[in-house]
Amino acid sequence: MFQCQRVESMSYPLANGRGELRLHHYARWNGALAGPEHNYRELSVELVADRRSDVHAVLLRKGYARSQDFAKPAHGELEVRSDPTQQRFWIVDNDARRILGTLDRPSGAVTGAEDATPTWATPDAGTTLKGIPVPSARSGGT
């Protein structure tokens, strides 16, 4: 049976230097098994402050009926935005011009792609954060 998984991450350092927001793209596919539980892509967000993970949540999970369909992307080009105080963050799919997820630090509230988006999160509001690629972890071929 052939299985493969891949994780790609981007780090978005916070302005105060005491943390970062991380986006993780996780992909898993199985050449022998069909169905979305075996072949999927997942987008998650993690807030790391003072060297500990405060929040980790799945924003989007897209399953595929067959591993051959896996080449279809789950989302377009992503952009991470924040308010001026970096207390609220949102992830924008620039191709679809929609919000895939939000994170409100004071309340700890997180929304995903299928949830109602808070009014403060729009594709053009706030400031774009600069991301830094994190070395990827890959495994496969069992």
N, C-alpha and C. Protein backbone atom coordinates (compact mmCIF):
# COMPACT_ATOMS: atom_id res chain seq x y z
N MET A 1 0.84 -1.17 0.00
CA MET A 1 0.00 0.00 0.00
C MET A 1 0.90 1.24 0.00
N PHE A 2 0.58 2.22 -0.84
CA PHE A 2 1.35 3.45 -0.92
C PHE A 2 0.62 4.56 -0.18
N GLN A 3 1.30 5.19 0.76
CA GLN A 3 0.76 6.34 1.47
C GLN A 3 1.79 7.45 1.43
N CYS A 4 1.33 8.66 1.41
CA CYS A 4 2.24 9.79 1.44
C CYS A 4 1.57 10.92 2.19
N GLN A 5 2.36 11.68 2.91
CA GLN A 5 1.84 12.87 3.54
C GLN A 5 2.89 13.96 3.49
N ARG A 6 2.42 15.19 3.54
CA ARG A 6 3.32 16.33 3.43
C ARG A 6 2.79 17.46 4.29
N VAL A 7 3.68 18.16 4.94
CA VAL A 7 3.31 19.34 5.71
C VAL A 7 4.18 20.50 5.23
N GLU A 8 3.54 21.58 4.88
CA GLU A 8 4.25 22.81 4.53
C GLU A 8 3.74 23.89 5.46
N SER A 9 4.65 24.66 6.04
CA SER A 9 4.26 25.68 7.01
C SER A 9 4.88 27.02 6.67
N MET A 10 4.14 28.07 7.03
CA MET A 10 4.63 29.44 6.91
C MET A 10 4.51 30.07 8.29
N SER A 11 5.53 30.85 8.65
CA SER A 11 5.56 31.55 9.92
C SER A 11 5.38 33.04 9.66
N TYR A 12 4.51 33.67 10.45
CA TYR A 12 4.26 35.11 10.35
C TYR A 12 4.62 35.73 11.70
N PRO A 13 5.86 36.25 11.85
CA PRO A 13 6.28 36.81 13.14
C PRO A 13 5.40 38.00 13.56
N LEU A 14 5.11 38.07 14.86
CA LEU A 14 4.33 39.18 15.39
C LEU A 14 5.24 40.38 15.62
N ALA A 15 4.67 41.57 15.53
CA ALA A 15 5.44 42.81 15.60
C ALA A 15 6.16 42.98 16.94
N ASN A 16 5.59 42.46 18.01
CA ASN A 16 6.21 42.65 19.32
C ASN A 16 7.39 41.71 19.55
N GLY A 17 7.65 40.80 18.60
CA GLY A 17 8.76 39.88 18.71
C GLY A 17 8.56 38.76 19.70
N ARG A 18 7.36 38.63 20.23
CA ARG A 18 7.11 37.62 21.26
C ARG A 18 6.20 36.50 20.78
N GLY A 19 6.21 36.24 19.50
CA GLY A 19 5.39 35.15 19.01
C GLY A 19 5.27 35.15 17.51
N GLU A 20 4.46 34.21 17.03
CA GLU A 20 4.25 34.09 15.60
C GLU A 20 2.91 33.40 15.34
N LEU A 21 2.39 33.66 14.17
CA LEU A 21 1.22 32.94 13.67
C LEU A 21 1.76 31.98 12.62
N ARG A 22 1.33 30.72 12.67
CA ARG A 22 1.79 29.73 11.70
C ARG A 22 0.60 29.17 10.94
N LEU A 23 0.78 29.04 9.63
CA LEU A 23 -0.20 28.34 8.79
C LEU A 23 0.42 27.02 8.37
N HIS A 24 -0.32 25.94 8.55
CA HIS A 24 0.17 24.61 8.18
C HIS A 24 -0.72 24.04 7.07
N HIS A 25 -0.11 23.61 5.98
CA HIS A 25 -0.79 22.93 4.89
C HIS A 25 -0.43 21.46 5.01
N TYR A 26 -1.41 20.63 5.28
CA TYR A 26 -1.18 19.20 5.47
C TYR A 26 -1.86 18.46 4.33
N ALA A 27 -1.13 17.57 3.71
CA ALA A 27 -1.70 16.78 2.61
C ALA A 27 -1.44 15.30 2.88
N ARG A 28 -2.47 14.48 2.71
CA ARG A 28 -2.34 13.03 2.89
C ARG A 28 -3.07 12.33 1.76
N TRP A 29 -2.40 11.39 1.13
CA TRP A 29 -3.07 10.61 0.10
C TRP A 29 -2.60 9.17 0.18
N ASN A 30 -3.47 8.30 -0.25
CA ASN A 30 -3.24 6.86 -0.17
C ASN A 30 -3.57 6.27 -1.53
N GLY A 31 -2.57 5.73 -2.21
CA GLY A 31 -2.77 5.19 -3.54
C GLY A 31 -3.65 3.95 -3.59
N ALA A 32 -3.80 3.26 -2.46
CA ALA A 32 -4.57 2.02 -2.45
C ALA A 32 -6.00 2.21 -1.97
N LEU A 33 -6.27 3.25 -1.21
CA LEU A 33 -7.60 3.44 -0.63
C LEU A 33 -8.27 4.68 -1.19
N ALA A 34 -9.54 4.56 -1.51
CA ALA A 34 -10.31 5.70 -2.00
C ALA A 34 -11.09 6.31 -0.85
N GLY A 35 -11.56 7.51 -1.06
CA GLY A 35 -12.43 8.16 -0.09
C GLY A 35 -11.77 9.34 0.58
N PRO A 36 -12.59 10.32 0.97
CA PRO A 36 -12.06 11.55 1.56
C PRO A 36 -11.38 11.36 2.91
N GLU A 37 -11.66 10.26 3.61
CA GLU A 37 -10.98 10.02 4.88
C GLU A 37 -9.54 9.57 4.68
N HIS A 38 -9.19 9.14 3.47
CA HIS A 38 -7.83 8.68 3.16
C HIS A 38 -7.06 9.65 2.27
N ASN A 39 -7.75 10.52 1.58
CA ASN A 39 -7.14 11.46 0.62
C ASN A 39 -7.69 12.85 0.90
N TYR A 40 -6.87 13.71 1.53
CA TYR A 40 -7.39 15.03 1.87
C TYR A 40 -6.27 16.05 2.01
N ARG A 41 -6.69 17.30 1.98
CA ARG A 41 -5.81 18.45 2.26
C ARG A 41 -6.43 19.18 3.44
N GLU A 42 -5.56 19.74 4.27
CA GLU A 42 -6.04 20.43 5.46
C GLU A 42 -5.23 21.70 5.67
N LEU A 43 -5.89 22.76 6.08
CA LEU A 43 -5.25 24.03 6.41
C LEU A 43 -5.53 24.30 7.88
N SER A 44 -4.47 24.51 8.65
CA SER A 44 -4.67 24.83 10.07
C SER A 44 -3.86 26.06 10.44
N VAL A 45 -4.27 26.69 11.53
CA VAL A 45 -3.60 27.88 12.03
C VAL A 45 -3.14 27.59 13.46
N GLU A 46 -1.99 28.16 13.79
CA GLU A 46 -1.44 28.00 15.14
C GLU A 46 -0.88 29.35 15.59
N LEU A 47 -1.22 29.76 16.81
CA LEU A 47 -0.67 30.97 17.38
C LEU A 47 0.31 30.56 18.47
N VAL A 48 1.56 30.96 18.30
CA VAL A 48 2.61 30.63 19.26
C VAL A 48 3.04 31.94 19.91
N ALA A 49 2.87 32.03 21.22
CA ALA A 49 3.27 33.22 21.96
C ALA A 49 4.10 32.78 23.16
N ASP A 50 5.16 33.50 23.40
CA ASP A 50 6.06 33.18 24.52
C ASP A 50 6.47 31.71 24.51
N ARG A 51 6.79 31.20 23.32
CA ARG A 51 7.30 29.85 23.09
C ARG A 51 6.32 28.74 23.44
N ARG A 52 5.03 29.02 23.47
CA ARG A 52 4.04 27.95 23.66
C ARG A 52 2.88 28.18 22.71
N SER A 53 2.27 27.09 22.31
CA SER A 53 1.15 27.16 21.38
C SER A 53 -0.12 27.52 22.15
N ASP A 54 -0.68 28.70 21.86
CA ASP A 54 -1.90 29.14 22.52
C ASP A 54 -3.14 28.60 21.83
N VAL A 55 -3.11 28.56 20.51
CA VAL A 55 -4.27 28.15 19.72
C VAL A 55 -3.78 27.26 18.58
N HIS A 56 -4.51 26.19 18.31
CA HIS A 56 -4.25 25.38 17.12
C HIS A 56 -5.61 24.88 16.63
N ALA A 57 -5.99 25.25 15.42
CA ALA A 57 -7.30 24.89 14.93
C ALA A 57 -7.27 24.61 13.43
N VAL A 58 -8.09 23.66 13.00
CA VAL A 58 -8.26 23.36 11.58
C VAL A 58 -9.23 24.37 11.00
N LEU A 59 -8.84 25.01 9.91
CA LEU A 59 -9.69 26.00 9.24
C LEU A 59 -10.44 25.40 8.07
N LEU A 60 -9.79 24.49 7.35
CA LEU A 60 -10.37 23.95 6.13
C LEU A 60 -9.85 22.53 5.94
N ARG A 61 -10.76 21.62 5.64
CA ARG A 61 -10.37 20.24 5.30
C ARG A 61 -11.16 19.86 4.07
N LYS A 62 -10.45 19.46 3.02
CA LYS A 62 -11.10 19.08 1.78
C LYS A 62 -10.70 17.65 1.44
N GLY A 63 -11.69 16.76 1.39
CA GLY A 63 -11.44 15.37 1.05
C GLY A 63 -11.68 15.11 -0.42
N TYR A 64 -11.03 14.06 -0.92
CA TYR A 64 -11.13 13.69 -2.33
C TYR A 64 -11.59 12.24 -2.43
N ALA A 65 -12.50 11.97 -3.34
CA ALA A 65 -13.04 10.62 -3.50
C ALA A 65 -11.95 9.64 -3.93
N ARG A 66 -11.05 10.10 -4.78
CA ARG A 66 -9.97 9.22 -5.29
C ARG A 66 -8.65 9.95 -5.16
N SER A 67 -7.58 9.20 -4.99
CA SER A 67 -6.27 9.84 -4.88
C SER A 67 -5.90 10.57 -6.18
N GLN A 68 -6.46 10.14 -7.32
CA GLN A 68 -6.17 10.80 -8.59
C GLN A 68 -6.71 12.24 -8.61
N ASP A 69 -7.77 12.50 -7.83
CA ASP A 69 -8.35 13.85 -7.79
C ASP A 69 -7.53 14.80 -6.92
N PHE A 70 -6.52 14.27 -6.27
CA PHE A 70 -5.77 15.03 -5.28
C PHE A 70 -5.07 16.26 -5.85
N ALA A 71 -4.81 16.27 -7.13
CA ALA A 71 -4.11 17.40 -7.75
C ALA A 71 -4.93 18.68 -7.70
N LYS A 72 -6.24 18.57 -7.48
CA LYS A 72 -7.10 19.76 -7.40
C LYS A 72 -6.78 20.52 -6.11
N PRO A 73 -6.51 21.82 -6.19
CA PRO A 73 -6.17 22.57 -4.98
C PRO A 73 -7.38 22.77 -4.07
N ALA A 74 -7.12 22.86 -2.77
CA ALA A 74 -8.18 23.10 -1.79
C ALA A 74 -8.50 24.59 -1.68
N HIS A 75 -7.55 25.43 -2.09
CA HIS A 75 -7.73 26.89 -2.01
C HIS A 75 -6.75 27.55 -2.95
N GLY A 76 -6.92 28.85 -3.12
CA GLY A 76 -6.02 29.62 -3.98
C GLY A 76 -4.87 30.21 -3.18
N GLU A 77 -4.27 31.28 -3.71
CA GLU A 77 -3.17 31.96 -3.03
C GLU A 77 -3.67 32.58 -1.73
N LEU A 78 -2.92 32.34 -0.65
CA LEU A 78 -3.34 32.80 0.67
C LEU A 78 -2.59 34.05 1.10
N GLU A 79 -3.28 34.84 1.92
CA GLU A 79 -2.70 36.03 2.51
C GLU A 79 -3.16 36.09 3.96
N VAL A 80 -2.25 36.38 4.88
CA VAL A 80 -2.60 36.54 6.29
C VAL A 80 -2.64 38.03 6.59
N ARG A 81 -3.73 38.47 7.21
CA ARG A 81 -3.93 39.89 7.53
C ARG A 81 -4.19 40.03 9.02
N SER A 82 -3.95 41.24 9.55
CA SER A 82 -4.22 41.49 10.96
C SER A 82 -4.67 42.92 11.17
N ASP A 83 -5.27 43.15 12.34
CA ASP A 83 -5.59 44.52 12.72
C ASP A 83 -4.30 45.19 13.20
N PRO A 84 -4.29 46.51 13.42
CA PRO A 84 -3.05 47.21 13.79
C PRO A 84 -2.42 46.71 15.10
N THR A 85 -3.23 46.21 16.03
CA THR A 85 -2.70 45.76 17.32
C THR A 85 -2.29 44.29 17.30
N GLN A 86 -2.51 43.61 16.21
CA GLN A 86 -2.25 42.18 16.05
C GLN A 86 -2.95 41.34 17.12
N GLN A 87 -4.19 41.71 17.37
CA GLN A 87 -5.04 40.94 18.27
C GLN A 87 -6.04 40.09 17.48
N ARG A 88 -6.24 40.46 16.23
CA ARG A 88 -7.15 39.72 15.34
C ARG A 88 -6.42 39.42 14.03
N PHE A 89 -6.59 38.17 13.58
CA PHE A 89 -5.94 37.72 12.35
C PHE A 89 -6.98 37.04 11.47
N TRP A 90 -6.78 37.12 10.15
CA TRP A 90 -7.65 36.39 9.24
C TRP A 90 -6.86 35.96 8.02
N ILE A 91 -7.31 34.83 7.45
CA ILE A 91 -6.64 34.23 6.30
C ILE A 91 -7.55 34.42 5.10
N VAL A 92 -7.00 35.05 4.05
CA VAL A 92 -7.76 35.38 2.85
C VAL A 92 -7.33 34.47 1.70
N ASP A 93 -8.29 33.86 1.03
CA ASP A 93 -8.05 33.16 -0.24
C ASP A 93 -8.18 34.24 -1.30
N ASN A 94 -7.06 34.73 -1.81
CA ASN A 94 -7.10 35.85 -2.76
C ASN A 94 -7.75 35.48 -4.09
N ASP A 95 -7.65 34.23 -4.52
CA ASP A 95 -8.26 33.82 -5.78
C ASP A 95 -9.78 33.87 -5.69
N ALA A 96 -10.33 33.38 -4.59
CA ALA A 96 -11.79 33.35 -4.41
C ALA A 96 -12.31 34.60 -3.70
N ARG A 97 -11.39 35.44 -3.19
CA ARG A 97 -11.74 36.65 -2.43
C ARG A 97 -12.67 36.31 -1.27
N ARG A 98 -12.29 35.27 -0.51
CA ARG A 98 -13.09 34.90 0.65
C ARG A 98 -12.18 34.64 1.85
N ILE A 99 -12.75 34.71 3.03
CA ILE A 99 -12.04 34.48 4.28
C ILE A 99 -12.12 32.99 4.61
N LEU A 100 -10.95 32.36 4.81
CA LEU A 100 -10.92 30.94 5.15
C LEU A 100 -10.90 30.70 6.65
N GLY A 101 -10.51 31.70 7.42
CA GLY A 101 -10.50 31.53 8.86
C GLY A 101 -10.10 32.80 9.57
N THR A 102 -10.49 32.89 10.85
CA THR A 102 -10.15 34.04 11.67
C THR A 102 -9.69 33.57 13.04
N LEU A 103 -8.93 34.43 13.70
CA LEU A 103 -8.46 34.17 15.05
C LEU A 103 -8.54 35.47 15.83
N ASP A 104 -9.28 35.47 16.92
CA ASP A 104 -9.43 36.63 17.80
C ASP A 104 -8.70 36.31 19.10
N ARG A 105 -7.52 36.91 19.31
CA ARG A 105 -6.70 36.58 20.48
C ARG A 105 -7.40 36.85 21.81
N PRO A 106 -8.03 38.02 22.02
CA PRO A 106 -8.62 38.28 23.33
C PRO A 106 -9.68 37.24 23.75
N SER A 107 -10.51 36.83 22.81
CA SER A 107 -11.58 35.88 23.16
C SER A 107 -11.16 34.43 22.92
N GLY A 108 -10.11 34.22 22.12
CA GLY A 108 -9.71 32.86 21.76
C GLY A 108 -10.58 32.24 20.70
N ALA A 109 -11.49 33.02 20.12
CA ALA A 109 -12.42 32.50 19.11
C ALA A 109 -11.71 32.28 17.77
N VAL A 110 -12.02 31.15 17.16
CA VAL A 110 -11.48 30.80 15.85
C VAL A 110 -12.65 30.41 14.96
N THR A 111 -12.65 30.90 13.73
CA THR A 111 -13.66 30.47 12.75
C THR A 111 -12.94 29.78 11.60
N GLY A 112 -13.64 28.85 10.96
CA GLY A 112 -13.11 28.15 9.81
C GLY A 112 -13.81 28.58 8.54
N ALA A 113 -13.50 27.91 7.46
CA ALA A 113 -14.02 28.27 6.13
C ALA A 113 -15.53 28.15 6.04
N GLU A 114 -16.14 27.27 6.81
CA GLU A 114 -17.59 27.06 6.73
C GLU A 114 -18.36 27.86 7.78
N ASP A 115 -17.66 28.59 8.64
CA ASP A 115 -18.31 29.38 9.70
C ASP A 115 -18.64 30.78 9.22
N ALA A 116 -19.51 31.45 9.96
CA ALA A 116 -19.81 32.86 9.67
C ALA A 116 -18.57 33.69 10.00
N THR A 117 -18.22 34.59 9.11
CA THR A 117 -17.03 35.43 9.28
C THR A 117 -17.37 36.67 10.09
N PRO A 118 -16.55 37.02 11.10
CA PRO A 118 -16.79 38.26 11.84
C PRO A 118 -16.74 39.47 10.91
N THR A 119 -17.45 40.51 11.26
CA THR A 119 -17.52 41.70 10.40
C THR A 119 -16.18 42.39 10.25
N TRP A 120 -15.26 42.22 11.20
CA TRP A 120 -13.96 42.88 11.12
C TRP A 120 -13.02 42.23 10.13
N ALA A 121 -13.33 41.04 9.65
CA ALA A 121 -12.45 40.32 8.72
C ALA A 121 -12.97 40.44 7.30
N THR A 122 -12.33 41.25 6.49
CA THR A 122 -12.67 41.38 5.08
C THR A 122 -11.38 41.22 4.26
N PRO A 123 -11.51 40.88 2.99
CA PRO A 123 -10.30 40.65 2.17
C PRO A 123 -9.35 41.85 2.08
N ASP A 124 -9.86 43.06 2.28
CA ASP A 124 -9.01 44.25 2.10
C ASP A 124 -8.71 45.00 3.39
N ALA A 125 -9.29 44.61 4.50
CA ALA A 125 -9.08 45.32 5.77
C ALA A 125 -7.74 44.94 6.38
N GLY A 126 -7.27 45.76 7.31
CA GLY A 126 -6.07 45.44 8.07
C GLY A 126 -4.79 45.54 7.25
N THR A 127 -3.76 44.88 7.76
CA THR A 127 -2.43 44.90 7.18
C THR A 127 -2.00 43.49 6.81
N THR A 128 -1.34 43.34 5.68
CA THR A 128 -0.82 42.04 5.26
C THR A 128 0.45 41.72 6.05
N LEU A 129 0.53 40.50 6.57
CA LEU A 129 1.73 40.04 7.28
C LEU A 129 2.66 39.33 6.31
N LYS A 130 3.95 39.47 6.53
CA LYS A 130 4.96 38.81 5.70
C LYS A 130 5.27 37.44 6.28
N GLY A 131 5.22 36.42 5.44
CA GLY A 131 5.47 35.06 5.88
C GLY A 131 6.88 34.59 5.57
N ILE A 132 7.34 33.65 6.38
CA ILE A 132 8.65 33.01 6.21
C ILE A 132 8.43 31.52 6.14
N PRO A 133 8.87 30.85 5.06
CA PRO A 133 8.70 29.40 4.98
C PRO A 133 9.42 28.68 6.12
N VAL A 134 8.78 27.67 6.65
CA VAL A 134 9.37 26.80 7.67
C VAL A 134 9.75 25.51 6.96
N PRO A 135 10.93 24.96 7.25
CA PRO A 135 11.32 23.71 6.58
C PRO A 135 10.22 22.66 6.65
N SER A 136 9.94 22.03 5.52
CA SER A 136 8.82 21.09 5.45
C SER A 136 9.22 19.71 5.93
N ALA A 137 8.21 18.99 6.42
CA ALA A 137 8.39 17.60 6.84
C ALA A 137 7.63 16.75 5.83
N ARG A 138 8.29 15.77 5.28
CA ARG A 138 7.67 14.91 4.29
C ARG A 138 7.88 13.47 4.69
N SER A 139 6.91 12.66 4.38
CA SER A 139 7.08 11.22 4.57
C SER A 139 6.27 10.53 3.50
N GLY A 140 6.56 9.29 3.28
CA GLY A 140 5.78 8.57 2.29
C GLY A 140 6.37 7.22 2.00
N GLY A 141 5.68 6.53 1.10
CA GLY A 141 6.14 5.26 0.59
C GLY A 141 6.18 4.14 1.60
N THR A 142 5.03 3.81 2.15
CA THR A 142 5.00 2.64 3.03
C THR A 142 4.38 1.48 2.32
